[in-house]
């Protein structure tokens, strides 16, 4: 509803141009440069982003194919199960259904709404300055819900124009949202640990 409220039918039908091919060198340098910058500027976020960069580097380098395949398939499923079990074991109703916890959930929903709206509005602002028009729906994918935010942007775009595929274009802001969230978590950790 936020995306549809902030965009016109014409804006939702904007077709994005084909993305350029990214070279193998760029794919390998990106995680290394990102981690170096984060480690220098915000060391508290380095471990969190380091794992993101390490996984990306393993996949893109092609050197450790078996290890990369294991991490992408088997290991991620095992870790997800254990994470779900450990969180679920501590999630008893008398501790969870408290005003403070429900307030945190409400703040999360509001933050996602603001992030979605800000992304759409920023894309509209960019359209005023750029010669290549940007579909504002991809701005809504700039939250750290991978890949669902990008899929929702694509779905809303397909409702307006069944030939308008925005998924790959929306994945860019989606991954940027993940990186931004990890950096924000690092900043928050820095201030919380300093107290």
Protein backbone atom coordinates (compact mmCIF):
# COMPACT_ATOMS: atom_id res chain seq x y z
CA UNK A 1 0.00 0.00 0.00
CA UNK A 2 2.86 2.44 0.71
CA UNK A 3 4.41 1.91 -2.73
CA UNK A 4 1.10 2.33 -4.53
CA UNK A 5 0.17 5.40 -2.48
CA UNK A 6 3.45 7.19 -3.29
CA UNK A 7 3.68 6.34 -7.00
CA UNK A 8 1.52 6.92 -10.04
CA UNK A 9 0.60 4.23 -12.56
CA UNK A 10 2.95 5.89 -15.05
CA UNK A 11 5.87 5.76 -12.59
CA UNK A 12 5.24 2.09 -11.83
CA UNK A 13 5.44 1.34 -15.57
CA UNK A 14 8.92 2.87 -15.99
CA UNK A 15 11.14 0.28 -17.66
CA UNK A 16 14.66 -0.01 -16.37
CA UNK A 17 17.53 -0.31 -18.84
CA UNK A 18 19.60 -3.49 -18.94
CA UNK A 19 22.29 -3.60 -16.27
CA UNK A 20 25.92 -3.70 -17.35
CA UNK A 21 27.94 -6.87 -16.94
CA UNK A 22 30.06 -6.80 -13.78
CA UNK A 23 33.58 -8.14 -14.29
CA UNK A 24 35.05 -10.94 -12.18
CA UNK A 25 37.68 -8.54 -10.86
CA UNK A 26 34.98 -6.17 -9.56
CA UNK A 27 33.12 -9.07 -7.93
CA UNK A 28 36.27 -10.11 -6.08
CA UNK A 29 37.41 -6.59 -5.16
CA UNK A 30 34.02 -5.45 -3.79
CA UNK A 31 34.01 -7.55 -0.58
CA UNK A 32 37.70 -6.85 0.05
CA UNK A 33 37.37 -3.07 -0.35
CA UNK A 34 34.09 -2.99 1.63
CA UNK A 35 35.62 -4.90 4.54
CA UNK A 36 38.76 -2.75 4.50
CA UNK A 37 36.72 0.47 4.64
CA UNK A 38 34.43 -0.81 7.39
CA UNK A 39 37.38 -2.13 9.44
CA UNK A 40 39.12 1.24 9.21
CA UNK A 41 36.09 3.48 9.77
CA UNK A 42 33.87 1.35 12.01
CA UNK A 43 35.73 -1.60 13.57
CA UNK A 44 32.72 -2.68 15.67
CA UNK A 45 30.78 -3.60 12.50
CA UNK A 46 33.72 -5.46 10.93
CA UNK A 47 32.93 -8.97 12.31
CA UNK A 48 29.32 -8.81 11.12
CA UNK A 49 30.15 -7.48 7.67
CA UNK A 50 33.25 -9.67 7.56
CA UNK A 51 31.13 -12.81 7.39
CA UNK A 52 29.02 -11.26 4.61
CA UNK A 53 32.17 -10.36 2.67
CA UNK A 54 33.82 -13.73 3.32
CA UNK A 55 30.84 -15.64 1.92
CA UNK A 56 30.67 -13.35 -1.08
CA UNK A 57 34.41 -13.74 -1.73
CA UNK A 58 34.20 -17.55 -1.47
CA UNK A 59 31.41 -17.69 -4.03
CA UNK A 60 32.87 -15.19 -6.50
CA UNK A 61 36.49 -16.35 -6.43
CA UNK A 62 35.63 -19.86 -7.62
CA UNK A 63 38.69 -21.24 -5.82
CA UNK A 64 36.91 -23.08 -3.00
CA UNK A 65 33.94 -24.47 -4.94
CA UNK A 66 33.06 -27.36 -2.59
CA UNK A 67 33.33 -25.19 0.50
CA UNK A 68 31.23 -22.47 -1.15
CA UNK A 69 28.57 -25.00 -2.14
CA UNK A 70 28.43 -26.39 1.41
CA UNK A 71 28.10 -22.92 2.94
CA UNK A 72 25.36 -21.88 0.48
CA UNK A 73 23.27 -25.02 0.95
CA UNK A 74 23.85 -27.40 3.85
CA UNK A 75 25.46 -25.11 6.41
CA UNK A 76 22.99 -22.24 5.99
CA UNK A 77 20.08 -24.64 6.57
CA UNK A 78 21.69 -26.13 9.70
CA UNK A 79 22.50 -22.69 11.12
CA UNK A 80 18.94 -21.49 10.39
CA UNK A 81 17.47 -24.49 12.24
CA UNK A 82 19.70 -23.99 15.29
CA UNK A 83 19.04 -20.25 15.33
CA UNK A 84 15.28 -20.87 15.16
CA UNK A 85 15.46 -23.48 17.92
CA UNK A 86 17.59 -21.34 20.22
CA UNK A 87 15.38 -18.26 19.78
CA UNK A 88 12.20 -20.35 20.01
CA UNK A 89 13.37 -22.03 23.22
CA UNK A 90 13.62 -18.64 24.93
CA UNK A 91 10.32 -17.41 23.47
CA UNK A 92 7.85 -18.20 26.23
CA UNK A 93 4.53 -16.36 26.20
CA UNK A 94 4.86 -14.65 29.60
CA UNK A 95 8.19 -13.10 28.56
CA UNK A 96 7.23 -12.32 24.96
CA UNK A 97 3.75 -10.84 25.36
CA UNK A 98 4.83 -7.80 27.34
CA UNK A 99 4.30 -4.16 26.41
CA UNK A 100 8.04 -3.60 25.93
CA UNK A 101 8.40 -6.50 23.44
CA UNK A 102 5.27 -5.55 21.55
CA UNK A 103 6.55 -1.96 21.44
CA UNK A 104 9.78 -3.16 19.86
CA UNK A 105 7.79 -5.09 17.23
CA UNK A 106 5.70 -1.99 16.53
CA UNK A 107 8.85 0.12 16.16
CA UNK A 108 10.17 -2.44 13.67
CA UNK A 109 7.00 -2.27 11.57
CA UNK A 110 7.13 1.55 11.63
CA UNK A 111 10.83 1.50 10.65
CA UNK A 112 10.10 -0.78 7.68
CA UNK A 113 7.28 1.52 6.60
CA UNK A 114 9.48 4.60 6.84
CA UNK A 115 12.32 2.80 5.01
CA UNK A 116 9.98 1.78 2.21
CA UNK A 117 8.51 5.27 1.86
CA UNK A 118 11.93 6.96 2.01
CA UNK A 119 13.27 4.64 -0.70
CA UNK A 120 10.36 5.39 -3.03
CA UNK A 121 10.64 9.14 -2.42
CA UNK A 122 14.42 9.10 -2.92
CA UNK A 123 14.02 7.31 -6.27
CA UNK A 124 11.45 9.94 -7.29
CA UNK A 125 13.91 12.67 -6.30
CA UNK A 126 16.65 10.99 -8.35
CA UNK A 127 14.32 11.01 -11.35
CA UNK A 128 14.28 14.81 -11.21
CA UNK A 129 18.07 14.89 -11.60
CA UNK A 130 18.87 11.99 -13.94
CA UNK A 131 18.34 11.45 -17.65
CA UNK A 132 17.73 7.70 -17.24
CA UNK A 133 14.48 7.32 -15.35
CA UNK A 134 14.44 5.04 -12.31
CA UNK A 135 11.35 3.08 -11.38
CA UNK A 136 10.54 4.33 -7.85
CA UNK A 137 9.46 0.82 -6.85
CA UNK A 138 13.07 -0.32 -6.65
CA UNK A 139 13.69 2.30 -3.95
CA UNK A 140 11.29 0.45 -1.69
CA UNK A 141 13.62 -2.57 -1.76
CA UNK A 142 16.27 -0.64 0.19
CA UNK A 143 15.34 -2.36 3.45
CA UNK A 144 17.28 -5.35 4.74
CA UNK A 145 14.64 -8.00 4.03
CA UNK A 146 16.49 -10.06 1.40
CA UNK A 147 15.07 -11.15 -1.04
CA UNK A 148 11.45 -10.44 -0.08
CA UNK A 149 11.62 -6.65 -0.44
CA UNK A 150 13.00 -7.01 -3.97
CA UNK A 151 10.35 -9.59 -4.82
CA UNK A 152 7.56 -7.33 -3.58
CA UNK A 153 8.91 -4.44 -5.67
CA UNK A 154 9.01 -6.74 -8.70
CA UNK A 155 5.47 -8.01 -8.02
CA UNK A 156 4.00 -4.51 -7.76
CA UNK A 157 5.81 -3.54 -10.97
CA UNK A 158 4.43 -6.61 -12.77
CA UNK A 159 0.89 -5.70 -11.68
CA UNK A 160 1.19 -2.41 -13.58
CA UNK A 161 3.07 -3.85 -16.57
CA UNK A 162 3.38 -7.65 -16.97
CA UNK A 163 6.59 -7.22 -19.02
CA UNK A 164 8.36 -4.96 -16.50
CA UNK A 165 10.83 -7.17 -14.60
CA UNK A 166 12.42 -5.22 -11.75
CA UNK A 167 13.82 -8.06 -9.61
CA UNK A 168 17.50 -7.74 -10.55
CA UNK A 169 17.33 -3.95 -10.38
CA UNK A 170 15.69 -4.13 -6.94
CA UNK A 171 18.34 -6.53 -5.58
CA UNK A 172 20.94 -3.72 -5.64
CA UNK A 173 19.11 -1.51 -3.12
CA UNK A 174 18.15 -4.66 -1.21
CA UNK A 175 21.78 -5.70 -0.63
CA UNK A 176 22.67 -2.07 0.11
CA UNK A 177 19.99 -2.18 2.82
CA UNK A 178 21.67 -5.23 4.36
CA UNK A 179 25.07 -3.52 4.35
CA UNK A 180 23.56 -0.33 5.77
CA UNK A 181 21.78 -2.28 8.52
CA UNK A 182 24.98 -4.07 9.49
CA UNK A 183 26.85 -0.77 9.65
CA UNK A 184 24.03 0.79 11.71
CA UNK A 185 24.20 -2.20 14.07
CA UNK A 186 27.94 -1.61 14.41
CA UNK A 187 27.38 2.05 15.27
CA UNK A 188 24.76 1.09 17.86
CA UNK A 189 27.09 -1.54 19.35
CA UNK A 190 29.83 1.05 19.63
CA UNK A 191 27.62 3.43 21.60
CA UNK A 192 26.02 0.72 23.76
CA UNK A 193 29.40 -0.77 24.70
CA UNK A 194 30.73 2.72 25.51
CA UNK A 195 28.00 3.26 28.15
